[in-house]
């Protein structure tokens, strides 16, 4: 079975995408993960205007809106970001104001730990600020998703080196209460097929579990190779999620909100 974008969502994937959620679901904080993070464990990063929060622009591109933003919230977005600035919204499925340009829309899926065989990785080394130039170079060559000069400050990052060179890494990004996102999973193309990404995912997950938290992650809805890997490792698909890019108008008016679809 395929979704509207042609992604393979057969079997458990298709079933989970249509599964209802209830108010008793303890993972509801993941419906707005940036808001949960910036009002929780990542509050020290938060730049705030009214009810709108964002990470510093060299840490993460994500901006957090309240669950039901109103016109005043959108005015606060404009004040916080500035005219003509592109903002990135993870998990936003509401409406955007008329005149705000949608710059990108990525259909994704959200997975949560459902029995990972998490374990330390003997070959992994802890990465920090001194490693950022190499991390940025690896990200540039592999394109795993947003990674900026201070993203390493969001959590623990582990890497594998061969002959001194960084060839694979994975780490922690969004951190809503009780949860930590595994992100920036990437391997140098010359070393793929050795299971390095799997080993690092399980090692990062082990550290998250050791803190009493639960790992989760995101990937593109059409990335069926990654989806199969995550399911095989013990992740369960929780929901479909949209990553939306929006540009603040140069001049703001009093326009009504319009659907982002």
C-alpha atoms as a PDB file:
ATOM      1  CA  UNK A   1       0.000   0.000   0.000  1.00  0.00           C
ATOM      2  CA  UNK A   2       1.240   3.548  -0.720  1.00  0.00           C
ATOM      3  CA  UNK A   3       0.296   6.871   0.781  1.00  0.00           C
ATOM      4  CA  UNK A   4      -0.633   9.940  -1.238  1.00  0.00           C
ATOM      5  CA  UNK A   5       3.045  10.722  -1.785  1.00  0.00           C
ATOM      6  CA  UNK A   6       3.911   7.259  -3.071  1.00  0.00           C
ATOM      7  CA  UNK A   7       5.613   6.109   0.126  1.00  0.00           C
ATOM      8  CA  UNK A   8       5.376   2.419   0.966  1.00  0.00           C
ATOM      9  CA  UNK A   9       3.176   2.230   4.055  1.00  0.00           C
ATOM     10  CA  UNK A  10       2.181  -1.429   3.885  1.00  0.00           C
ATOM     11  CA  UNK A  11       1.762  -3.673   6.901  1.00  0.00           C
ATOM     12  CA  UNK A  12       2.394  -2.203  10.347  1.00  0.00           C
ATOM     13  CA  UNK A  13       3.282   1.192   8.886  1.00  0.00           C
ATOM     14  CA  UNK A  14      -0.074   1.670   7.211  1.00  0.00           C
ATOM     15  CA  UNK A  15      -1.915   0.389  10.259  1.00  0.00           C
ATOM     16  CA  UNK A  16      -0.099   2.757  12.609  1.00  0.00           C
ATOM     17  CA  UNK A  17      -0.664   5.797  10.405  1.00  0.00           C
ATOM     18  CA  UNK A  18      -4.393   5.279  10.744  1.00  0.00           C
ATOM     19  CA  UNK A  19      -4.403   4.315  14.406  1.00  0.00           C
ATOM     20  CA  UNK A  20      -6.333   6.660  16.717  1.00  0.00           C
ATOM     21  CA  UNK A  21      -4.709   8.254  19.735  1.00  0.00           C
ATOM     22  CA  UNK A  22      -6.433   8.955  23.026  1.00  0.00           C
ATOM     23  CA  UNK A  23      -6.022  11.620  25.693  1.00  0.00           C
ATOM     24  CA  UNK A  24      -4.515   8.931  27.900  1.00  0.00           C
ATOM     25  CA  UNK A  25      -1.583   8.534  25.489  1.00  0.00           C
ATOM     26  CA  UNK A  26       1.467   9.567  27.531  1.00  0.00           C
ATOM     27  CA  UNK A  27       3.326  10.447  24.334  1.00  0.00           C
ATOM     28  CA  UNK A  28       1.053  13.353  23.375  1.00  0.00           C
ATOM     29  CA  UNK A  29       3.918  15.752  24.119  1.00  0.00           C
ATOM     30  CA  UNK A  30       5.419  14.413  20.882  1.00  0.00           C
ATOM     31  CA  UNK A  31       2.603  16.021  18.892  1.00  0.00           C
ATOM     32  CA  UNK A  32       4.403  19.349  19.375  1.00  0.00           C
ATOM     33  CA  UNK A  33       7.951  18.210  20.166  1.00  0.00           C
ATOM     34  CA  UNK A  34       9.704  21.567  19.826  1.00  0.00           C
ATOM     35  CA  UNK A  35       7.252  23.221  22.231  1.00  0.00           C
ATOM     36  CA  UNK A  36       7.685  20.376  24.714  1.00  0.00           C
ATOM     37  CA  UNK A  37      11.460  20.693  24.505  1.00  0.00           C
ATOM     38  CA  UNK A  38      11.661  24.487  24.738  1.00  0.00           C
ATOM     39  CA  UNK A  39       9.290  24.641  27.707  1.00  0.00           C
ATOM     40  CA  UNK A  40      10.984  21.639  29.318  1.00  0.00           C
ATOM     41  CA  UNK A  41      14.550  20.292  29.302  1.00  0.00           C
ATOM     42  CA  UNK A  42      15.691  22.729  26.587  1.00  0.00           C
ATOM     43  CA  UNK A  43      14.186  25.827  28.234  1.00  0.00           C
ATOM     44  CA  UNK A  44      17.691  27.247  28.663  1.00  0.00           C
ATOM     45  CA  UNK A  45      17.910  27.577  24.872  1.00  0.00           C
ATOM     46  CA  UNK A  46      14.530  29.273  24.448  1.00  0.00           C
ATOM     47  CA  UNK A  47      14.184  32.656  22.806  1.00  0.00           C
ATOM     48  CA  UNK A  48      10.638  33.839  23.543  1.00  0.00           C
ATOM     49  CA  UNK A  49       8.114  36.329  22.253  1.00  0.00           C
ATOM     50  CA  UNK A  50       4.736  35.904  23.952  1.00  0.00           C
ATOM     51  CA  UNK A  51       3.765  32.243  23.563  1.00  0.00           C
ATOM     52  CA  UNK A  52       6.205  31.665  20.677  1.00  0.00           C
ATOM     53  CA  UNK A  53       9.602  30.079  21.311  1.00  0.00           C
ATOM     54  CA  UNK A  54      12.563  29.161  19.180  1.00  0.00           C
ATOM     55  CA  UNK A  55      16.095  27.858  19.421  1.00  0.00           C
ATOM     56  CA  UNK A  56      19.014  30.201  18.714  1.00  0.00           C
ATOM     57  CA  UNK A  57      19.540  30.171  14.957  1.00  0.00           C
ATOM     58  CA  UNK A  58      22.954  28.493  15.263  1.00  0.00           C
ATOM     59  CA  UNK A  59      21.544  25.689  17.455  1.00  0.00           C
ATOM     60  CA  UNK A  60      18.439  24.524  15.569  1.00  0.00           C
ATOM     61  CA  UNK A  61      16.061  25.923  12.923  1.00  0.00           C
ATOM     62  CA  UNK A  62      12.939  24.819  14.802  1.00  0.00           C
ATOM     63  CA  UNK A  63      10.402  27.306  16.105  1.00  0.00           C
ATOM     64  CA  UNK A  64       7.594  26.299  18.473  1.00  0.00           C
ATOM     65  CA  UNK A  65       4.035  27.594  18.273  1.00  0.00           C
ATOM     66  CA  UNK A  66       1.277  26.911  20.800  1.00  0.00           C
ATOM     67  CA  UNK A  67      -1.052  24.096  19.785  1.00  0.00           C
ATOM     68  CA  UNK A  68      -3.711  26.543  18.535  1.00  0.00           C
ATOM     69  CA  UNK A  69      -1.928  29.743  17.519  1.00  0.00           C
ATOM     70  CA  UNK A  70      -3.988  32.898  17.081  1.00  0.00           C
ATOM     71  CA  UNK A  71      -3.293  36.158  15.242  1.00  0.00           C
ATOM     72  CA  UNK A  72      -1.313  37.542  18.175  1.00  0.00           C
ATOM     73  CA  UNK A  73       0.914  34.452  18.163  1.00  0.00           C
ATOM     74  CA  UNK A  74       1.675  34.922  14.457  1.00  0.00           C
ATOM     75  CA  UNK A  75       2.491  38.590  15.127  1.00  0.00           C
ATOM     76  CA  UNK A  76       4.897  37.361  17.809  1.00  0.00           C
ATOM     77  CA  UNK A  77       6.480  34.967  15.294  1.00  0.00           C
ATOM     78  CA  UNK A  78       7.111  37.928  12.991  1.00  0.00           C
ATOM     79  CA  UNK A  79       8.532  40.005  15.827  1.00  0.00           C
ATOM     80  CA  UNK A  80      10.798  37.188  16.999  1.00  0.00           C
ATOM     81  CA  UNK A  81      12.036  36.082  13.573  1.00  0.00           C
ATOM     82  CA  UNK A  82      11.982  39.360  11.634  1.00  0.00           C
ATOM     83  CA  UNK A  83      10.502  40.327   8.229  1.00  0.00           C
ATOM     84  CA  UNK A  84      11.424  38.036   5.331  1.00  0.00           C
ATOM     85  CA  UNK A  85      12.904  35.363   7.608  1.00  0.00           C
ATOM     86  CA  UNK A  86      12.235  31.678   6.967  1.00  0.00           C
ATOM     87  CA  UNK A  87      11.038  29.717  10.003  1.00  0.00           C
ATOM     88  CA  UNK A  88      10.790  25.949  10.421  1.00  0.00           C
ATOM     89  CA  UNK A  89       7.890  24.279  12.231  1.00  0.00           C
ATOM     90  CA  UNK A  90       8.080  20.591  13.223  1.00  0.00           C
ATOM     91  CA  UNK A  91       4.716  18.865  13.535  1.00  0.00           C
ATOM     92  CA  UNK A  92       2.579  21.864  12.592  1.00  0.00           C
ATOM     93  CA  UNK A  93      -0.675  20.903  10.879  1.00  0.00           C
ATOM     94  CA  UNK A  94      -2.770  24.011  11.393  1.00  0.00           C
ATOM     95  CA  UNK A  95      -3.279  27.147   9.370  1.00  0.00           C
ATOM     96  CA  UNK A  96      -0.839  29.848   8.378  1.00  0.00           C
ATOM     97  CA  UNK A  97      -1.806  33.492   7.833  1.00  0.00           C
ATOM     98  CA  UNK A  98      -2.585  34.721   4.360  1.00  0.00           C
ATOM     99  CA  UNK A  99       0.512  36.210   2.757  1.00  0.00           C
ATOM    100  CA  UNK A 100       2.999  33.984   4.572  1.00  0.00           C
ATOM    101  CA  UNK A 101       4.913  31.919   1.991  1.00  0.00           C
ATOM    102  CA  UNK A 102       5.273  28.158   2.466  1.00  0.00           C
ATOM    103  CA  UNK A 103       8.915  27.489   1.532  1.00  0.00           C
ATOM    104  CA  UNK A 104       8.988  23.745   2.079  1.00  0.00           C
ATOM    105  CA  UNK A 105       6.738  20.945   3.210  1.00  0.00           C
ATOM    106  CA  UNK A 106       8.249  17.577   4.122  1.00  0.00           C
ATOM    107  CA  UNK A 107       5.990  14.668   4.952  1.00  0.00           C
ATOM    108  CA  UNK A 108       7.584  12.578   7.655  1.00  0.00           C
ATOM    109  CA  UNK A 109       6.907   9.830  10.146  1.00  0.00           C
ATOM    110  CA  UNK A 110       7.621   9.663  13.859  1.00  0.00           C
ATOM    111  CA  UNK A 111       8.915   6.497  15.531  1.00  0.00           C
ATOM    112  CA  UNK A 112       9.176   5.632  19.237  1.00  0.00           C
ATOM    113  CA  UNK A 113      11.166   2.991  21.085  1.00  0.00           C
ATOM    114  CA  UNK A 114       9.183  -0.236  21.325  1.00  0.00           C
ATOM    115  CA  UNK A 115      11.815  -2.786  22.329  1.00  0.00           C
ATOM    116  CA  UNK A 116      15.194  -1.561  21.077  1.00  0.00           C
ATOM    117  CA  UNK A 117      18.172  -3.758  21.918  1.00  0.00           C
ATOM    118  CA  UNK A 118      19.973  -0.649  23.165  1.00  0.00           C
ATOM    119  CA  UNK A 119      23.602  -1.187  24.109  1.00  0.00           C
ATOM    120  CA  UNK A 120      26.884   0.731  24.449  1.00  0.00           C
ATOM    121  CA  UNK A 121      29.175   0.807  21.401  1.00  0.00           C
ATOM    122  CA  UNK A 122      32.855   0.131  22.245  1.00  0.00           C
ATOM    123  CA  UNK A 123      34.111   1.901  19.117  1.00  0.00           C
ATOM    124  CA  UNK A 124      32.055   5.066  19.721  1.00  0.00           C
ATOM    125  CA  UNK A 125      33.705   8.244  20.971  1.00  0.00           C
ATOM    126  CA  UNK A 126      32.014  11.247  22.547  1.00  0.00           C
ATOM    127  CA  UNK A 127      31.895  14.249  20.199  1.00  0.00           C
ATOM    128  CA  UNK A 128      31.986  17.854  21.366  1.00  0.00           C
ATOM    129  CA  UNK A 129      32.575  21.428  20.201  1.00  0.00           C
ATOM    130  CA  UNK A 130      36.116  20.669  19.005  1.00  0.00           C
ATOM    131  CA  UNK A 131      34.687  18.067  16.605  1.00  0.00           C
ATOM    132  CA  UNK A 132      32.099  20.396  15.035  1.00  0.00           C
ATOM    133  CA  UNK A 133      34.082  21.183  11.839  1.00  0.00           C
ATOM    134  CA  UNK A 134      34.336  17.463  11.043  1.00  0.00           C
ATOM    135  CA  UNK A 135      30.700  16.905  12.013  1.00  0.00           C
ATOM    136  CA  UNK A 136      29.554  19.699   9.719  1.00  0.00           C
ATOM    137  CA  UNK A 137      31.659  18.244   6.894  1.00  0.00           C
ATOM    138  CA  UNK A 138      30.133  14.785   7.375  1.00  0.00           C
ATOM    139  CA  UNK A 139      26.626  16.293   7.470  1.00  0.00           C
ATOM    140  CA  UNK A 140      27.308  18.259   4.286  1.00  0.00           C
ATOM    141  CA  UNK A 141      28.277  15.047   2.491  1.00  0.00           C
ATOM    142  CA  UNK A 142      25.455  12.865   3.814  1.00  0.00           C
ATOM    143  CA  UNK A 143      22.488  15.245   4.386  1.00  0.00           C
ATOM    144  CA  UNK A 144      20.875  13.620   7.471  1.00  0.00           C
ATOM    145  CA  UNK A 145      18.871  16.734   8.360  1.00  0.00           C
ATOM    146  CA  UNK A 146      19.488  20.025  10.153  1.00  0.00           C
ATOM    147  CA  UNK A 147      22.825  20.262  11.924  1.00  0.00           C
ATOM    148  CA  UNK A 148      24.292  23.667  12.774  1.00  0.00           C
ATOM    149  CA  UNK A 149      27.440  24.929  14.546  1.00  0.00           C
ATOM    150  CA  UNK A 150      25.865  24.620  18.039  1.00  0.00           C
ATOM    151  CA  UNK A 151      23.535  21.662  17.462  1.00  0.00           C
ATOM    152  CA  UNK A 152      26.038  19.540  19.371  1.00  0.00           C
ATOM    153  CA  UNK A 153      24.919  21.388  22.536  1.00  0.00           C
ATOM    154  CA  UNK A 154      21.424  19.855  22.317  1.00  0.00           C
ATOM    155  CA  UNK A 155      22.545  16.509  23.714  1.00  0.00           C
ATOM    156  CA  UNK A 156      25.043  13.672  23.507  1.00  0.00           C
ATOM    157  CA  UNK A 157      26.690  12.990  20.139  1.00  0.00           C
ATOM    158  CA  UNK A 158      28.677   9.840  19.456  1.00  0.00           C
ATOM    159  CA  UNK A 159      30.966   9.148  16.531  1.00  0.00           C
ATOM    160  CA  UNK A 160      33.133   6.433  15.044  1.00  0.00           C
ATOM    161  CA  UNK A 161      36.588   7.268  13.721  1.00  0.00           C
ATOM    162  CA  UNK A 162      38.868   5.323  11.410  1.00  0.00           C
ATOM    163  CA  UNK A 163      42.487   6.415  11.001  1.00  0.00           C
ATOM    164  CA  UNK A 164      41.531   9.540  12.922  1.00  0.00           C
ATOM    165  CA  UNK A 165      38.762  10.588  10.533  1.00  0.00           C
ATOM    166  CA  UNK A 166      35.113  10.879  11.593  1.00  0.00           C
ATOM    167  CA  UNK A 167      33.181   8.404   9.444  1.00  0.00           C
ATOM    168  CA  UNK A 168      29.837   8.038  11.256  1.00  0.00           C
ATOM    169  CA  UNK A 169      27.832   9.773  13.955  1.00  0.00           C
ATOM    170  CA  UNK A 170      24.476  10.000  15.694  1.00  0.00           C
ATOM    171  CA  UNK A 171      23.178  12.117  18.538  1.00  0.00           C
ATOM    172  CA  UNK A 172      20.340  13.766  20.425  1.00  0.00           C
ATOM    173  CA  UNK A 173      18.200  16.668  19.231  1.00  0.00           C
ATOM    174  CA  UNK A 174      14.680  17.585  20.453  1.00  0.00           C
ATOM    175  CA  UNK A 175      14.145  16.794  24.145  1.00  0.00           C
ATOM    176  CA  UNK A 176      10.509  16.957  25.290  1.00  0.00           C
ATOM    177  CA  UNK A 177       9.933  15.850  28.897  1.00  0.00           C
ATOM    178  CA  UNK A 178      10.558  12.104  29.192  1.00  0.00           C
ATOM    179  CA  UNK A 179      11.709  11.736  25.579  1.00  0.00           C
ATOM    180  CA  UNK A 180      14.845  12.366  23.521  1.00  0.00           C
ATOM    181  CA  UNK A 181      15.038  12.437  19.739  1.00  0.00           C
ATOM    182  CA  UNK A 182      17.830  10.524  18.006  1.00  0.00           C
ATOM    183  CA  UNK A 183      19.060  12.555  15.053  1.00  0.00           C
ATOM    184  CA  UNK A 184      21.965  13.359  12.701  1.00  0.00           C
ATOM    185  CA  UNK A 185      22.433   9.660  11.961  1.00  0.00           C
ATOM    186  CA  UNK A 186      24.924   9.519   9.102  1.00  0.00           C
ATOM    187  CA  UNK A 187      27.761   7.441   7.686  1.00  0.00           C
ATOM    188  CA  UNK A 188      30.463   8.344   5.187  1.00  0.00           C
ATOM    189  CA  UNK A 189      29.466   6.677   1.879  1.00  0.00           C
ATOM    190  CA  UNK A 190      32.795   4.830   1.746  1.00  0.00           C
ATOM    191  CA  UNK A 191      31.940   2.984   4.972  1.00  0.00           C
ATOM    192  CA  UNK A 192      28.277   2.119   4.455  1.00  0.00           C
ATOM    193  CA  UNK A 193      27.192  -1.486   4.787  1.00  0.00           C
ATOM    194  CA  UNK A 194      29.136  -2.073   8.013  1.00  0.00           C
ATOM    195  CA  UNK A 195      26.181  -1.424  10.336  1.00  0.00           C
ATOM    196  CA  UNK A 196      27.762   1.686  11.826  1.00  0.00           C
ATOM    197  CA  UNK A 197      24.497   3.649  11.888  1.00  0.00           C
ATOM    198  CA  UNK A 198      22.717   0.800  13.656  1.00  0.00           C
ATOM    199  CA  UNK A 199      25.441   0.532  16.279  1.00  0.00           C
ATOM    200  CA  UNK A 200      25.385   4.261  16.954  1.00  0.00           C
ATOM    201  CA  UNK A 201      21.577   4.446  17.128  1.00  0.00           C
ATOM    202  CA  UNK A 202      21.555   1.677  19.728  1.00  0.00           C
ATOM    203  CA  UNK A 203      24.380   3.349  21.662  1.00  0.00           C
ATOM    204  CA  UNK A 204      22.627   6.736  21.736  1.00  0.00           C
ATOM    205  CA  UNK A 205      19.398   4.974  22.730  1.00  0.00           C
ATOM    206  CA  UNK A 206      21.264   3.255  25.563  1.00  0.00           C
ATOM    207  CA  UNK A 207      22.323   6.620  26.977  1.00  0.00           C
ATOM    208  CA  UNK A 208      18.769   7.942  26.715  1.00  0.00           C
ATOM    209  CA  UNK A 209      17.393   4.875  28.485  1.00  0.00           C
ATOM    210  CA  UNK A 210      20.014   5.228  31.221  1.00  0.00           C
ATOM    211  CA  UNK A 211      18.473   8.621  32.048  1.00  0.00           C
ATOM    212  CA  UNK A 212      15.041   7.010  32.370  1.00  0.00           C
ATOM    213  CA  UNK A 213      13.805   8.537  29.106  1.00  0.00           C
ATOM    214  CA  UNK A 214      12.457   7.055  25.874  1.00  0.00           C
ATOM    215  CA  UNK A 215      14.103   7.433  22.458  1.00  0.00           C
ATOM    216  CA  UNK A 216      12.155   8.629  19.433  1.00  0.00           C
ATOM    217  CA  UNK A 217      13.097   9.775  15.953  1.00  0.00           C
ATOM    218  CA  UNK A 218      11.811  11.127  12.659  1.00  0.00           C
ATOM    219  CA  UNK A 219      12.423  10.307   9.021  1.00  0.00           C
ATOM    220  CA  UNK A 220      10.867  11.104   5.675  1.00  0.00           C
ATOM    221  CA  UNK A 221       7.653   9.258   4.831  1.00  0.00           C
ATOM    222  CA  UNK A 222       9.194   8.158   1.527  1.00  0.00           C
ATOM    223  CA  UNK A 223      12.449   6.924   3.076  1.00  0.00           C
ATOM    224  CA  UNK A 224      11.369   3.299   3.087  1.00  0.00           C
ATOM    225  CA  UNK A 225      14.932   2.036   3.595  1.00  0.00           C
ATOM    226  CA  UNK A 226      15.222   3.921   6.892  1.00  0.00           C
ATOM    227  CA  UNK A 227      11.684   2.918   7.890  1.00  0.00           C
ATOM    228  CA  UNK A 228      12.498  -0.763   7.441  1.00  0.00           C
ATOM    229  CA  UNK A 229      15.691  -0.361   9.472  1.00  0.00           C
ATOM    230  CA  UNK A 230      13.943   1.405  12.348  1.00  0.00           C
ATOM    231  CA  UNK A 231      11.198  -1.210  12.503  1.00  0.00           C
ATOM    232  CA  UNK A 232      13.793  -4.003  12.478  1.00  0.00           C
ATOM    233  CA  UNK A 233      15.651  -2.334  15.368  1.00  0.00           C
ATOM    234  CA  UNK A 234      12.539  -2.141  17.526  1.00  0.00           C
ATOM    235  CA  UNK A 235      11.015   1.258  16.805  1.00  0.00           C
ATOM    236  CA  UNK A 236       7.233   1.564  16.418  1.00  0.00           C
ATOM    237  CA  UNK A 237       5.640   4.048  14.096  1.00  0.00           C
ATOM    238  CA  UNK A 238       3.618   6.514  16.165  1.00  0.00           C
ATOM    239  CA  UNK A 239       2.252   9.020  13.665  1.00  0.00           C
ATOM    240  CA  UNK A 240       2.668  10.973  10.470  1.00  0.00           C
ATOM    241  CA  UNK A 241       4.288  14.393  10.967  1.00  0.00           C
ATOM    242  CA  UNK A 242       4.802  17.412   8.716  1.00  0.00           C
ATOM    243  CA  UNK A 243       7.902  19.599   8.702  1.00  0.00           C
ATOM    244  CA  UNK A 244       6.867  22.988   7.371  1.00  0.00           C
ATOM    245  CA  UNK A 245       8.926  25.977   6.288  1.00  0.00           C
ATOM    246  CA  UNK A 246       7.245  29.394   6.242  1.00  0.00           C
ATOM    247  CA  UNK A 247       8.594  32.818   5.338  1.00  0.00           C
ATOM    248  CA  UNK A 248       7.527  35.873   7.348  1.00  0.00           C
ATOM    249  CA  UNK A 249       6.131  38.599   5.041  1.00  0.00           C
ATOM    250  CA  UNK A 250       8.176  41.734   4.535  1.00  0.00           C
ATOM    251  CA  UNK A 251       5.079  43.755   5.431  1.00  0.00           C
ATOM    252  CA  UNK A 252       2.421  42.416   7.784  1.00  0.00           C
ATOM    253  CA  UNK A 253      -1.273  43.030   7.256  1.00  0.00           C
ATOM    254  CA  UNK A 254      -4.454  42.000   9.039  1.00  0.00           C
ATOM    255  CA  UNK A 255      -5.162  38.971   6.826  1.00  0.00           C
ATOM    256  CA  UNK A 256      -7.101  35.939   7.936  1.00  0.00           C
ATOM    257  CA  UNK A 257      -5.445  32.561   8.383  1.00  0.00           C
ATOM    258  CA  UNK A 258      -5.455  30.108   5.488  1.00  0.00           C
ATOM    259  CA  UNK A 259      -4.719  26.353   5.428  1.00  0.00           C
ATOM    260  CA  UNK A 260      -1.102  25.334   5.039  1.00  0.00           C
ATOM    261  CA  UNK A 261      -2.087  22.442   2.770  1.00  0.00           C
END
